[in-house]
Amino acid sequence: MTAQKNILVIGSRKREKTIKSNKNYKFHHLDFSYKPRKNNYEFDALKIINETGKYIENNQIDGIYFSTDIGSVIGSILCQKYNLPGPTLDATITCQNKYYTRELLDTGVKHQAIKLNTSLKKLPEFPFYLKAPTSVLGILGFTINNQKEFKQAIKIAKKELPKLLKPTKKLYKKYLDIKKFPLANKPILLLEELIKKEQITVDGYVYNNQPQIVAITDTNLAPDLRLIDNFSTPSKLPLSLQKTIITQACIDIKSTGLNNCAFNIEYWIDNNKIRLIEINSRAATCFTKLYKEAYNYDLYATGLKLATSINPKTLTLTPQKYATQYNITTINEGRADQLFNFDYPIPYPHQFFRTPKETIKQISEYGQVIAQIELADKSLTNMHKKIQKLRHKLLKSPIDQKLFD
């Protein structure tokens, strides 16, 4: 009988509970509060590194598994420090900090870093897109059309950005090459040219410096808005274009220096031209059920193999049906139970991101996702009809109900 491998899992116990069904591993859990949807970052990453290091020194650990942005930063440091399989911190920061992704890779997107007190005179012509370089889920991301919108975005950023930066401040001082990444610890925003095109996500991994693409997922937006209606896989793009995307994704990943880890890349598709949005040095584990439904592919199993220097050897995946993940989104503010019917029975697999008595505030142009619902079918049209009926039952505001009609 093969001995179990000892895996240190960095992140939420609730999020990673499904990996514990794998009997080939013994799991050790590093749990900490990380709730980006609520902009809650109440932890000290350096303290976590120190405490976890002591645990590794006193226990046999064969690999480290992580699937969040901050988890990839912590994990890369621990992998380097204890000679475990995983990416370097430099490669991780190149991806996690979107300003340095733009600076160090040839992305072809006009951009600049700005301070929170930047004069309006130093701004380019409107419109443009403004975001925090290390935010996730579109948080602190805004399309800016005029001075009024810019001032409003800066007002929100001044309040929320320090929360985002606080957990890693001491960590970066100790471990990061500040000469190479001088702005990584600074309260800056990333200003980019505004691009409104079709979006996709490419999921894959790197093993021994060789990238392997697993799947392409479409990001489907609401009509004339930047709100995400749903994610669906397999992609509807022409196969010839998908092959070009795969080739470009492999080039981009090699440029980051990532190795022995999962990744996902987001692109705009602009008249068959591929333009990079961002790279994440982790799998898109939010798509775990989608990939299982569409391809019978286990995203977690691949991550665990990478964590223990085993080649996942993923073959070309053959889709059996479409799998979709729908957002139930509000653009309003107030108590969650005044915006969403929590008592209505949802007949499909789903998860909530808000509790009834929580107060919802808007901190980006993407709205606030209250719940996600997952469907699988051979027809995308059938699924959309089902979810639209359900949205009208769940969302109390007529404005929210009609966002995706």
Foldseek 3Di string as FASTA:
>chain_A
DDAAAEEEEEEACVLPVVVVVDPSHDYDYDYDDDQQLVLADPAALVVSLVVVLVVCVVDPHQFYFYFDLSRLLSRQVSCVVVVFFWWHNQLSCCFQQQVNVVVQDPQVWDKDKDALPDDPVPDDADWWWKAGRRHPPQFLIETDGDPVVSVVSSVLLVVRVCSVLPNCQVVCVPPNPCVVVVCSNPSIMMIIHDDDAWKKKWKWAAAPLFIDTAAIKTFDAAPPARATFKIKPDDPDDPVLVVVVVVVVSVSSSSSRTHLAIKMWMWGQDVSDTGGDGIHRRGPCVCQVQCCQFFVDGRVVCSVCSRNNHHPPDDHTDTPWMKMKGFLFDQDWAFQVVFWPPPDDDPFDKDASDDRGDTDDDRGRRGRGGMMGMDIDRDPVVVVVVVLVVSVVTGDDPVSSPRRD
